[in-house]
């Protein structure tokens, strides 16, 4: 029973990473963030179940295949998210620099 729960959790993580990848491809970063929260909770649960019972060879192969899929999705999500995160960082740094200049020189941009 514990093995089934553990393998089901891995499958659930794989399904969520699939959804995360779809969100990243659609530039739906809010959805990606929400899914990431769900995924983290499942991974935390996995830590409890993962070492309770030894797996058969078939179960171990299933687990390995699922982990490889999760890692492949994660790699693709990162490849899609990194340029967006770099643009966001540039915008934030630009806004921060503008705010510092405005405070330093008493400028107002809301006029």
PDB file of N, CA and C in Angstrom:
ATOM      1  N   UNK A   1       0.824  -1.202   0.000  1.00  0.00           N
ATOM      2  CA  UNK A   1       0.000   0.000   0.000  1.00  0.00           C
ATOM      3  C   UNK A   1       0.865   1.261   0.000  1.00  0.00           C
ATOM      4  N   UNK A   2       1.891   1.262   0.826  1.00  0.00           N
ATOM      5  CA  UNK A   2       2.779   2.422   0.895  1.00  0.00           C
ATOM      6  C   UNK A   2       3.485   2.627  -0.440  1.00  0.00           C
ATOM      7  N   UNK A   3       3.900   1.527  -1.076  1.00  0.00           N
ATOM      8  CA  UNK A   3       4.578   1.627  -2.369  1.00  0.00           C
ATOM      9  C   UNK A   3       3.651   2.255  -3.407  1.00  0.00           C
ATOM     10  N   UNK A   4       2.386   1.826  -3.405  1.00  0.00           N
ATOM     11  CA  UNK A   4       1.433   2.399  -4.350  1.00  0.00           C
ATOM     12  C   UNK A   4       1.250   3.891  -4.102  1.00  0.00           C
ATOM     13  N   UNK A   5       1.165   4.269  -2.844  1.00  0.00           N
ATOM     14  CA  UNK A   5       1.024   5.683  -2.499  1.00  0.00           C
ATOM     15  C   UNK A   5       2.234   6.458  -2.994  1.00  0.00           C
ATOM     16  N   UNK A   6       3.416   5.915  -2.748  1.00  0.00           N
ATOM     17  CA  UNK A   6       4.645   6.585  -3.156  1.00  0.00           C
ATOM     18  C   UNK A   6       4.713   6.716  -4.674  1.00  0.00           C
ATOM     19  N   UNK A   7       4.427   5.641  -5.390  1.00  0.00           N
ATOM     20  CA  UNK A   7       4.470   5.697  -6.851  1.00  0.00           C
ATOM     21  C   UNK A   7       3.395   6.634  -7.392  1.00  0.00           C
ATOM     22  N   UNK A   8       2.235   6.661  -6.752  1.00  0.00           N
ATOM     23  CA  UNK A   8       1.178   7.593  -7.150  1.00  0.00           C
ATOM     24  C   UNK A   8       1.602   9.040  -6.932  1.00  0.00           C
ATOM     25  N   UNK A   9       2.303   9.288  -5.840  1.00  0.00           N
ATOM     26  CA  UNK A   9       2.801  10.642  -5.587  1.00  0.00           C
ATOM     27  C   UNK A   9       3.776  11.067  -6.682  1.00  0.00           C
ATOM     28  N   UNK A  10       4.680  10.160  -7.079  1.00  0.00           N
ATOM     29  CA  UNK A  10       5.596  10.474  -8.180  1.00  0.00           C
ATOM     30  C   UNK A  10       4.821  10.790  -9.457  1.00  0.00           C
ATOM     31  N   UNK A  11       3.791   9.996  -9.739  1.00  0.00           N
ATOM     32  CA  UNK A  11       2.969  10.242 -10.926  1.00  0.00           C
ATOM     33  C   UNK A  11       2.261  11.594 -10.826  1.00  0.00           C
ATOM     34  N   UNK A  12       1.781  11.926  -9.637  1.00  0.00           N
ATOM     35  CA  UNK A  12       1.127  13.226  -9.432  1.00  0.00           C
ATOM     36  C   UNK A  12       2.101  14.376  -9.655  1.00  0.00           C
ATOM     37  N   UNK A  13       3.326  14.219  -9.172  1.00  0.00           N
ATOM     38  CA  UNK A  13       4.348  15.246  -9.393  1.00  0.00           C
ATOM     39  C   UNK A  13       4.603  15.385 -10.891  1.00  0.00           C
ATOM     40  N   UNK A  14       4.681  14.258 -11.592  1.00  0.00           N
ATOM     41  CA  UNK A  14       4.910  14.294 -13.042  1.00  0.00           C
ATOM     42  C   UNK A  14       3.763  15.005 -13.758  1.00  0.00           C
ATOM     43  N   UNK A  15       2.545  14.765 -13.332  1.00  0.00           N
ATOM     44  CA  UNK A  15       1.390  15.441 -13.942  1.00  0.00           C
ATOM     45  C   UNK A  15       1.455  16.946 -13.697  1.00  0.00           C
ATOM     46  N   UNK A  16       1.832  17.325 -12.495  1.00  0.00           N
ATOM     47  CA  UNK A  16       1.920  18.758 -12.187  1.00  0.00           C
ATOM     48  C   UNK A  16       3.050  19.412 -12.970  1.00  0.00           C
ATOM     49  N   UNK A  17       4.189  18.726 -13.095  1.00  0.00           N
ATOM     50  CA  UNK A  17       5.279  19.326 -13.872  1.00  0.00           C
ATOM     51  C   UNK A  17       4.883  19.457 -15.337  1.00  0.00           C
ATOM     52  N   UNK A  18       4.044  18.547 -15.816  1.00  0.00           N
ATOM     53  CA  UNK A  18       3.486  18.662 -17.164  1.00  0.00           C
ATOM     54  C   UNK A  18       2.661  19.943 -17.287  1.00  0.00           C
ATOM     55  N   UNK A  19       1.816  20.182 -16.299  1.00  0.00           N
ATOM     56  CA  UNK A  19       1.000  21.400 -16.280  1.00  0.00           C
ATOM     57  C   UNK A  19       1.882  22.642 -16.136  1.00  0.00           C
ATOM     58  N   UNK A  20       2.933  22.528 -15.332  1.00  0.00           N
ATOM     59  CA  UNK A  20       3.855  23.652 -15.166  1.00  0.00           C
ATOM     60  C   UNK A  20       4.526  23.990 -16.488  1.00  0.00           C
ATOM     61  N   UNK A  21       4.912  22.969 -17.227  1.00  0.00           N
ATOM     62  CA  UNK A  21       5.544  23.181 -18.529  1.00  0.00           C
ATOM     63  C   UNK A  21       4.567  23.863 -19.483  1.00  0.00           C
ATOM     64  N   UNK A  22       3.329  23.426 -19.492  1.00  0.00           N
ATOM     65  CA  UNK A  22       2.317  24.063 -20.343  1.00  0.00           C
ATOM     66  C   UNK A  22       2.131  25.526 -19.954  1.00  0.00           C
ATOM     67  N   UNK A  23       2.126  25.808 -18.652  1.00  0.00           N
ATOM     68  CA  UNK A  23       1.989  27.191 -18.180  1.00  0.00           C
ATOM     69  C   UNK A  23       3.192  28.032 -18.620  1.00  0.00           C
ATOM     70  N   UNK A  24       4.382  27.468 -18.514  1.00  0.00           N
ATOM     71  CA  UNK A  24       5.591  28.194 -18.929  1.00  0.00           C
ATOM     72  C   UNK A  24       5.563  28.471 -20.430  1.00  0.00           C
ATOM     73  N   UNK A  25       5.126  27.492 -21.215  1.00  0.00           N
ATOM     74  CA  UNK A  25       5.043  27.689 -22.666  1.00  0.00           C
ATOM     75  C   UNK A  25       4.027  28.771 -23.020  1.00  0.00           C
ATOM     76  N   UNK A  26       2.984  28.913 -22.186  1.00  0.00           N
ATOM     77  CA  UNK A  26       1.949  29.920 -22.413  1.00  0.00           C
ATOM     78  C   UNK A  26       2.289  31.253 -21.743  1.00  0.00           C
ATOM     79  N   UNK A  27       3.473  31.335 -21.138  1.00  0.00           N
ATOM     80  CA  UNK A  27       3.882  32.534 -20.388  1.00  0.00           C
ATOM     81  C   UNK A  27       2.903  32.869 -19.278  1.00  0.00           C
ATOM     82  N   UNK A  28       2.294  31.861 -18.706  1.00  0.00           N
ATOM     83  CA  UNK A  28       1.349  32.041 -17.603  1.00  0.00           C
ATOM     84  C   UNK A  28       2.109  31.826 -16.293  1.00  0.00           C
ATOM     85  N   UNK A  29       2.855  32.844 -15.893  1.00  0.00           N
ATOM     86  CA  UNK A  29       3.774  32.713 -14.764  1.00  0.00           C
ATOM     87  C   UNK A  29       3.026  32.610 -13.439  1.00  0.00           C
ATOM     88  N   UNK A  30       1.848  33.207 -13.340  1.00  0.00           N
ATOM     89  CA  UNK A  30       1.062  33.078 -12.114  1.00  0.00           C
ATOM     90  C   UNK A  30       0.632  31.627 -11.910  1.00  0.00           C
ATOM     91  N   UNK A  31       0.154  31.012 -12.977  1.00  0.00           N
ATOM     92  CA  UNK A  31      -0.264  29.607 -12.896  1.00  0.00           C
ATOM     93  C   UNK A  31       0.933  28.722 -12.579  1.00  0.00           C
ATOM     94  N   UNK A  32       2.053  29.009 -13.204  1.00  0.00           N
ATOM     95  CA  UNK A  32       3.270  28.241 -12.940  1.00  0.00           C
ATOM     96  C   UNK A  32       3.641  28.309 -11.459  1.00  0.00           C
ATOM     97  N   UNK A  33       3.553  29.478 -10.882  1.00  0.00           N
ATOM     98  CA  UNK A  33       3.879  29.662  -9.470  1.00  0.00           C
ATOM     99  C   UNK A  33       2.919  28.887  -8.573  1.00  0.00           C
ATOM    100  N   UNK A  34       1.634  28.932  -8.892  1.00  0.00           N
ATOM    101  CA  UNK A  34       0.642  28.193  -8.101  1.00  0.00           C
ATOM    102  C   UNK A  34       0.896  26.684  -8.191  1.00  0.00           C
ATOM    103  N   UNK A  35       1.177  26.218  -9.396  1.00  0.00           N
ATOM    104  CA  UNK A  35       1.456  24.787  -9.578  1.00  0.00           C
ATOM    105  C   UNK A  35       2.736  24.381  -8.850  1.00  0.00           C
ATOM    106  N   UNK A  36       3.710  25.261  -8.855  1.00  0.00           N
ATOM    107  CA  UNK A  36       4.969  24.990  -8.173  1.00  0.00           C
ATOM    108  C   UNK A  36       4.746  24.793  -6.670  1.00  0.00           C
ATOM    109  N   UNK A  37       3.831  25.556  -6.105  1.00  0.00           N
ATOM    110  CA  UNK A  37       3.481  25.405  -4.691  1.00  0.00           C
ATOM    111  C   UNK A  37       2.879  24.023  -4.430  1.00  0.00           C
ATOM    112  N   UNK A  38       1.963  23.602  -5.307  1.00  0.00           N
ATOM    113  CA  UNK A  38       1.365  22.268  -5.183  1.00  0.00           C
ATOM    114  C   UNK A  38       2.420  21.180  -5.323  1.00  0.00           C
ATOM    115  N   UNK A  39       3.308  21.368  -6.257  1.00  0.00           N
ATOM    116  CA  UNK A  39       4.362  20.384  -6.509  1.00  0.00           C
ATOM    117  C   UNK A  39       5.273  20.258  -5.284  1.00  0.00           C
ATOM    118  N   UNK A  40       5.611  21.367  -4.694  1.00  0.00           N
ATOM    119  CA  UNK A  40       6.468  21.345  -3.496  1.00  0.00           C
ATOM    120  C   UNK A  40       5.821  20.559  -2.358  1.00  0.00           C
ATOM    121  N   UNK A  41       4.518  20.726  -2.195  1.00  0.00           N
ATOM    122  CA  UNK A  41       3.798  19.991  -1.148  1.00  0.00           C
ATOM    123  C   UNK A  41       3.846  18.492  -1.412  1.00  0.00           C
ATOM    124  N   UNK A  42       3.662  18.092  -2.664  1.00  0.00           N
ATOM    125  CA  UNK A  42       3.737  16.664  -2.998  1.00  0.00           C
ATOM    126  C   UNK A  42       5.139  16.112  -2.777  1.00  0.00           C
ATOM    127  N   UNK A  43       6.132  16.882  -3.131  1.00  0.00           N
ATOM    128  CA  UNK A  43       7.519  16.442  -2.946  1.00  0.00           C
ATOM    129  C   UNK A  43       7.815  16.278  -1.460  1.00  0.00           C
ATOM    130  N   UNK A  44       7.284  17.166  -0.640  1.00  0.00           N
ATOM    131  CA  UNK A  44       7.451  17.020   0.808  1.00  0.00           C
ATOM    132  C   UNK A  44       6.832  15.707   1.283  1.00  0.00           C
ATOM    133  N   UNK A  45       5.656  15.360   0.765  1.00  0.00           N
ATOM    134  CA  UNK A  45       5.012  14.089   1.115  1.00  0.00           C
ATOM    135  C   UNK A  45       5.852  12.904   0.655  1.00  0.00           C
ATOM    136  N   UNK A  46       6.465  13.040  -0.493  1.00  0.00           N
ATOM    137  CA  UNK A  46       7.314  11.962  -1.011  1.00  0.00           C
ATOM    138  C   UNK A  46       8.458  11.633  -0.062  1.00  0.00           C
ATOM    139  N   UNK A  47       8.978  12.632   0.583  1.00  0.00           N
ATOM    140  CA  UNK A  47      10.097  12.406   1.508  1.00  0.00           C
ATOM    141  C   UNK A  47       9.699  11.446   2.625  1.00  0.00           C
ATOM    142  N   UNK A  48       8.430  11.440   2.964  1.00  0.00           N
ATOM    143  CA  UNK A  48       7.928  10.539   3.998  1.00  0.00           C
ATOM    144  C   UNK A  48       7.820   9.116   3.478  1.00  0.00           C
ATOM    145  N   UNK A  49       7.304   8.961   2.268  1.00  0.00           N
ATOM    146  CA  UNK A  49       7.008   7.635   1.732  1.00  0.00           C
ATOM    147  C   UNK A  49       8.177   6.974   1.009  1.00  0.00           C
ATOM    148  N   UNK A  50       9.101   7.744   0.536  1.00  0.00           N
ATOM    149  CA  UNK A  50      10.105   7.231  -0.398  1.00  0.00           C
ATOM    150  C   UNK A  50      11.004   6.145   0.169  1.00  0.00           C
ATOM    151  N   UNK A  51      11.205   6.100   1.445  1.00  0.00           N
ATOM    152  CA  UNK A  51      12.154   5.128   2.003  1.00  0.00           C
ATOM    153  C   UNK A  51      11.488   4.074   2.887  1.00  0.00           C
ATOM    154  N   UNK A  52      10.168   4.015   2.898  1.00  0.00           N
ATOM    155  CA  UNK A  52       9.491   3.106   3.821  1.00  0.00           C
ATOM    156  C   UNK A  52       9.561   1.638   3.415  1.00  0.00           C
ATOM    157  N   UNK A  53       9.429   1.337   2.130  1.00  0.00           N
ATOM    158  CA  UNK A  53       9.452  -0.054   1.675  1.00  0.00           C
ATOM    159  C   UNK A  53      10.335  -0.181   0.444  1.00  0.00           C
ATOM    160  N   UNK A  54      11.093  -1.277   0.334  1.00  0.00           N
ATOM    161  CA  UNK A  54      11.883  -1.476  -0.884  1.00  0.00           C
ATOM    162  C   UNK A  54      10.959  -1.740  -2.079  1.00  0.00           C
ATOM    163  N   UNK A  55      11.438  -1.368  -3.254  1.00  0.00           N
ATOM    164  CA  UNK A  55      10.644  -1.520  -4.465  1.00  0.00           C
ATOM    165  C   UNK A  55      11.083  -2.758  -5.241  1.00  0.00           C
ATOM    166  N   UNK A  56      10.141  -3.335  -5.983  1.00  0.00           N
ATOM    167  CA  UNK A  56      10.490  -4.408  -6.902  1.00  0.00           C
ATOM    168  C   UNK A  56      11.231  -3.786  -8.082  1.00  0.00           C
ATOM    169  N   UNK A  57      11.803  -4.618  -8.933  1.00  0.00           N
ATOM    170  CA  UNK A  57      12.527  -4.108 -10.102  1.00  0.00           C
ATOM    171  C   UNK A  57      11.593  -3.302 -11.002  1.00  0.00           C
ATOM    172  N   UNK A  58      10.378  -3.785 -11.226  1.00  0.00           N
ATOM    173  CA  UNK A  58       9.413  -3.059 -12.067  1.00  0.00           C
ATOM    174  C   UNK A  58       9.032  -1.717 -11.442  1.00  0.00           C
ATOM    175  N   UNK A  59       8.796  -1.721 -10.154  1.00  0.00           N
ATOM    176  CA  UNK A  59       8.431  -0.481  -9.460  1.00  0.00           C
ATOM    177  C   UNK A  59       9.582   0.521  -9.506  1.00  0.00           C
ATOM    178  N   UNK A  60      10.799   0.009  -9.327  1.00  0.00           N
ATOM    179  CA  UNK A  60      11.967   0.883  -9.377  1.00  0.00           C
ATOM    180  C   UNK A  60      12.121   1.478 -10.779  1.00  0.00           C
ATOM    181  N   UNK A  61      11.911   0.671 -11.810  1.00  0.00           N
ATOM    182  CA  UNK A  61      11.981   1.183 -13.190  1.00  0.00           C
ATOM    183  C   UNK A  61      10.918   2.238 -13.435  1.00  0.00           C
ATOM    184  N   UNK A  62       9.720   2.015 -12.901  1.00  0.00           N
ATOM    185  CA  UNK A  62       8.642   2.992 -13.036  1.00  0.00           C
ATOM    186  C   UNK A  62       9.024   4.296 -12.340  1.00  0.00           C
ATOM    187  N   UNK A  63       9.570   4.172 -11.140  1.00  0.00           N
ATOM    188  CA  UNK A  63       9.985   5.350 -10.382  1.00  0.00           C
ATOM    189  C   UNK A  63      11.068   6.116 -11.141  1.00  0.00           C
ATOM    190  N   UNK A  64      12.046   5.407 -11.669  1.00  0.00           N
ATOM    191  CA  UNK A  64      13.145   6.044 -12.394  1.00  0.00           C
ATOM    192  C   UNK A  64      12.627   6.756 -13.647  1.00  0.00           C
ATOM    193  N   UNK A  65      11.738   6.089 -14.393  1.00  0.00           N
ATOM    194  CA  UNK A  65      11.176   6.706 -15.605  1.00  0.00           C
ATOM    195  C   UNK A  65      10.404   7.972 -15.259  1.00  0.00           C
ATOM    196  N   UNK A  66       9.658   7.929 -14.177  1.00  0.00           N
ATOM    197  CA  UNK A  66       8.881   9.100 -13.762  1.00  0.00           C
ATOM    198  C   UNK A  66       9.808  10.236 -13.339  1.00  0.00           C
ATOM    199  N   UNK A  67      10.845   9.917 -12.594  1.00  0.00           N
ATOM    200  CA  UNK A  67      11.802  10.945 -12.166  1.00  0.00           C
ATOM    201  C   UNK A  67      12.491  11.563 -13.379  1.00  0.00           C
ATOM    202  N   UNK A  68      12.858  10.757 -14.362  1.00  0.00           N
ATOM    203  CA  UNK A  68      13.496  11.293 -15.573  1.00  0.00           C
ATOM    204  C   UNK A  68      12.560  12.258 -16.296  1.00  0.00           C
ATOM    205  N   UNK A  69      11.266  11.931 -16.353  1.00  0.00           N
ATOM    206  CA  UNK A  69      10.295  12.810 -16.991  1.00  0.00           C
ATOM    207  C   UNK A  69      10.167  14.117 -16.213  1.00  0.00           C
ATOM    208  N   UNK A  70      10.098  14.011 -14.889  1.00  0.00           N
ATOM    209  CA  UNK A  70      10.008  15.203 -14.041  1.00  0.00           C
ATOM    210  C   UNK A  70      11.223  16.103 -14.267  1.00  0.00           C
ATOM    211  N   UNK A  71      12.404  15.509 -14.304  1.00  0.00           N
ATOM    212  CA  UNK A  71      13.634  16.289 -14.500  1.00  0.00           C
ATOM    213  C   UNK A  71      13.693  16.919 -15.893  1.00  0.00           C
ATOM    214  N   UNK A  72      13.221  16.200 -16.897  1.00  0.00           N
ATOM    215  CA  UNK A  72      13.195  16.757 -18.256  1.00  0.00           C
ATOM    216  C   UNK A  72      12.232  17.950 -18.324  1.00  0.00           C
ATOM    217  N   UNK A  73      11.058  17.799 -17.719  1.00  0.00           N
ATOM    218  CA  UNK A  73      10.105  18.915 -17.674  1.00  0.00           C
ATOM    219  C   UNK A  73      10.707  20.095 -16.936  1.00  0.00           C
ATOM    220  N   UNK A  74      11.346  19.833 -15.805  1.00  0.00           N
ATOM    221  CA  UNK A  74      11.957  20.890 -15.001  1.00  0.00           C
ATOM    222  C   UNK A  74      13.016  21.639 -15.807  1.00  0.00           C
ATOM    223  N   UNK A  75      13.828  20.901 -16.553  1.00  0.00           N
ATOM    224  CA  UNK A  75      14.876  21.517 -17.372  1.00  0.00           C
ATOM    225  C   UNK A  75      14.252  22.431 -18.432  1.00  0.00           C
ATOM    226  N   UNK A  76      13.184  21.961 -19.077  1.00  0.00           N
ATOM    227  CA  UNK A  76      12.526  22.765 -20.108  1.00  0.00           C
ATOM    228  C   UNK A  76      11.844  23.994 -19.501  1.00  0.00           C
ATOM    229  N   UNK A  77      11.238  23.822 -18.334  1.00  0.00           N
ATOM    230  CA  UNK A  77      10.612  24.960 -17.643  1.00  0.00           C
ATOM    231  C   UNK A  77      11.663  26.010 -17.328  1.00  0.00           C
ATOM    232  N   UNK A  78      12.802  25.583 -16.824  1.00  0.00           N
ATOM    233  CA  UNK A  78      13.877  26.537 -16.512  1.00  0.00           C
ATOM    234  C   UNK A  78      14.358  27.260 -17.765  1.00  0.00           C
ATOM    235  N   UNK A  79      14.490  26.517 -18.865  1.00  0.00           N
ATOM    236  CA  UNK A  79      14.911  27.138 -20.123  1.00  0.00           C
ATOM    237  C   UNK A  79      13.915  28.197 -20.584  1.00  0.00           C
ATOM    238  N   UNK A  80      12.638  27.953 -20.349  1.00  0.00           N
ATOM    239  CA  UNK A  80      11.611  28.927 -20.733  1.00  0.00           C
ATOM    240  C   UNK A  80      11.532  30.094 -19.748  1.00  0.00           C
ATOM    241  N   UNK A  81      11.749  29.825 -18.478  1.00  0.00           N
ATOM    242  CA  UNK A  81      11.589  30.850 -17.440  1.00  0.00           C
ATOM    243  C   UNK A  81      12.802  31.775 -17.316  1.00  0.00           C
ATOM    244  N   UNK A  82      13.987  31.271 -17.605  1.00  0.00           N
ATOM    245  CA  UNK A  82      15.190  32.084 -17.388  1.00  0.00           C
ATOM    246  C   UNK A  82      15.186  33.397 -18.175  1.00  0.00           C
ATOM    247  N   UNK A  83      14.828  33.393 -19.469  1.00  0.00           N
ATOM    248  CA  UNK A  83      14.792  34.690 -20.179  1.00  0.00           C
ATOM    249  C   UNK A  83      13.767  35.647 -19.581  1.00  0.00           C
ATOM    250  N   UNK A  84      12.611  35.114 -19.188  1.00  0.00           N
ATOM    251  CA  UNK A  84      11.583  35.954 -18.572  1.00  0.00           C
ATOM    252  C   UNK A  84      12.093  36.526 -17.258  1.00  0.00           C
ATOM    253  N   UNK A  85      12.750  35.700 -16.464  1.00  0.00           N
ATOM    254  CA  UNK A  85      13.280  36.162 -15.183  1.00  0.00           C
ATOM    255  C   UNK A  85      14.373  37.208 -15.399  1.00  0.00           C
ATOM    256  N   UNK A  86      15.176  37.044 -16.427  1.00  0.00           N
ATOM    257  CA  UNK A  86      16.218  38.035 -16.722  1.00  0.00           C
ATOM    258  C   UNK A  86      15.587  39.371 -17.110  1.00  0.00           C
ATOM    259  N   UNK A  87      14.531  39.325 -17.951  1.00  0.00           N
ATOM    260  CA  UNK A  87      13.837  40.573 -18.318  1.00  0.00           C
ATOM    261  C   UNK A  87      13.211  41.234 -17.100  1.00  0.00           C
ATOM    262  N   UNK A  88      12.595  40.429 -16.247  1.00  0.00           N
ATOM    263  CA  UNK A  88      11.978  40.948 -15.030  1.00  0.00           C
ATOM    264  C   UNK A  88      13.025  41.590 -14.128  1.00  0.00           C
ATOM    265  N   UNK A  89      14.152  40.933 -13.985  1.00  0.00           N
ATOM    266  CA  UNK A  89      15.231  41.476 -13.162  1.00  0.00           C
ATOM    267  C   UNK A  89      15.721  42.808 -13.717  1.00  0.00           C
ATOM    268  N   UNK A  90      15.868  42.885 -15.019  1.00  0.00           N
ATOM    269  CA  UNK A  90      16.303  44.136 -15.657  1.00  0.00           C
ATOM    270  C   UNK A  90      15.292  45.247 -15.398  1.00  0.00           C
ATOM    271  N   UNK A  91      14.001  44.921 -15.555  1.00  0.00           N
ATOM    272  CA  UNK A  91      12.957  45.924 -15.303  1.00  0.00           C
ATOM    273  C   UNK A  91      12.982  46.384 -13.849  1.00  0.00           C
ATOM    274  N   UNK A  92      13.099  45.446 -12.926  1.00  0.00           N
ATOM    275  CA  UNK A  92      13.114  45.806 -11.508  1.00  0.00           C
ATOM    276  C   UNK A  92      14.321  46.656 -11.170  1.00  0.00           C
ATOM    277  N   UNK A  93      15.485  46.285 -11.711  1.00  0.00           N
ATOM    278  CA  UNK A  93      16.691  47.072 -11.449  1.00  0.00           C
ATOM    279  C   UNK A  93      16.578  48.463 -12.044  1.00  0.00           C
ATOM    280  N   UNK A  94      15.979  48.558 -13.223  1.00  0.00           N
ATOM    281  CA  UNK A  94      15.779  49.849 -13.872  1.00  0.00           C
ATOM    282  C   UNK A  94      14.835  50.719 -13.043  1.00  0.00           C
ATOM    283  N   UNK A  95      13.738  50.131 -12.587  1.00  0.00           N
ATOM    284  CA  UNK A  95      12.785  50.874 -11.755  1.00  0.00           C
ATOM    285  C   UNK A  95      13.419  51.287 -10.440  1.00  0.00           C
ATOM    286  N   UNK A  96      14.223  50.420  -9.866  1.00  0.00           N
ATOM    287  CA  UNK A  96      14.900  50.725  -8.606  1.00  0.00           C
ATOM    288  C   UNK A  96      15.863  51.895  -8.800  1.00  0.00           C
ATOM    289  N   UNK A  97      16.622  51.854  -9.895  1.00  0.00           N
ATOM    290  CA  UNK A  97      17.561  52.946 -10.170  1.00  0.00           C
ATOM    291  C   UNK A  97      16.795  54.253 -10.378  1.00  0.00           C
ATOM    292  N   UNK A  98      15.675  54.190 -11.113  1.00  0.00           N
ATOM    293  CA  UNK A  98      14.866  55.392 -11.333  1.00  0.00           C
ATOM    294  C   UNK A  98      14.306  55.941 -10.033  1.00  0.00           C
ATOM    295  N   UNK A  99      13.868  55.053  -9.159  1.00  0.00           N
ATOM    296  CA  UNK A  99      13.336  55.477  -7.858  1.00  0.00           C
ATOM    297  C   UNK A  99      14.418  56.138  -7.016  1.00  0.00           C
ATOM    298  N   UNK A 100      15.615  55.579  -7.049  1.00  0.00           N
ATOM    299  CA  UNK A 100      16.720  56.164  -6.281  1.00  0.00           C
ATOM    300  C   UNK A 100      17.054  57.557  -6.804  1.00  0.00           C
ATOM    301  N   UNK A 101      17.077  57.706  -8.127  1.00  0.00           N
ATOM    302  CA  UNK A 101      17.344  59.021  -8.715  1.00  0.00           C
ATOM    303  C   UNK A 101      16.260  60.014  -8.321  1.00  0.00           C
ATOM    304  N   UNK A 102      15.023  59.565  -8.400  1.00  0.00           N
ATOM    305  CA  UNK A 102      13.907  60.451  -8.055  1.00  0.00           C
ATOM    306  C   UNK A 102      14.002  60.901  -6.609  1.00  0.00           C
ATOM    307  N   UNK A 103      14.319  59.969  -5.708  1.00  0.00           N
ATOM    308  CA  UNK A 103      14.450  60.341  -4.290  1.00  0.00           C
ATOM    309  C   UNK A 103      15.639  61.272  -4.084  1.00  0.00           C
ATOM    310  N   UNK A 104      16.730  60.976  -4.762  1.00  0.00           N
ATOM    311  CA  UNK A 104      17.927  61.779  -4.593  1.00  0.00           C
ATOM    312  C   UNK A 104      17.712  63.224  -5.052  1.00  0.00           C
ATOM    313  N   UNK A 105      17.044  63.368  -6.193  1.00  0.00           N
ATOM    314  CA  UNK A 105      16.881  64.701  -6.764  1.00  0.00           C
ATOM    315  C   UNK A 105      15.479  65.271  -6.562  1.00  0.00           C
ATOM    316  N   UNK A 106      14.655  64.589  -5.781  1.00  0.00           N
ATOM    317  CA  UNK A 106      13.319  65.100  -5.491  1.00  0.00           C
ATOM    318  C   UNK A 106      12.413  65.160  -6.691  1.00  0.00           C
ATOM    319  N   UNK A 107      12.631  64.265  -7.656  1.00  0.00           N
ATOM    320  CA  UNK A 107      11.814  64.267  -8.872  1.00  0.00           C
ATOM    321  C   UNK A 107      10.494  63.544  -8.623  1.00  0.00           C
ATOM    322  N   UNK A 108       9.454  64.014  -9.332  1.00  0.00           N
ATOM    323  CA  UNK A 108       8.152  63.347  -9.276  1.00  0.00           C
ATOM    324  C   UNK A 108       7.740  63.006 -10.700  1.00  0.00           C
ATOM    325  N   UNK A 109       7.305  61.766 -10.894  1.00  0.00           N
ATOM    326  CA  UNK A 109       6.904  61.318 -12.223  1.00  0.00           C
ATOM    327  C   UNK A 109       5.401  61.169 -12.360  1.00  0.00           C
ATOM    328  N   UNK A 110       4.653  61.470 -11.311  1.00  0.00           N
ATOM    329  CA  UNK A 110       3.203  61.273 -11.345  1.00  0.00           C
ATOM    330  C   UNK A 110       2.444  62.553 -11.684  1.00  0.00           C
ATOM    331  N   UNK A 111       3.126  63.536 -12.148  1.00  0.00           N
ATOM    332  CA  UNK A 111       2.506  64.824 -12.445  1.00  0.00           C
ATOM    333  C   UNK A 111       1.784  64.774 -13.752  1.00  0.00           C
TER     334      UNK A 111
END
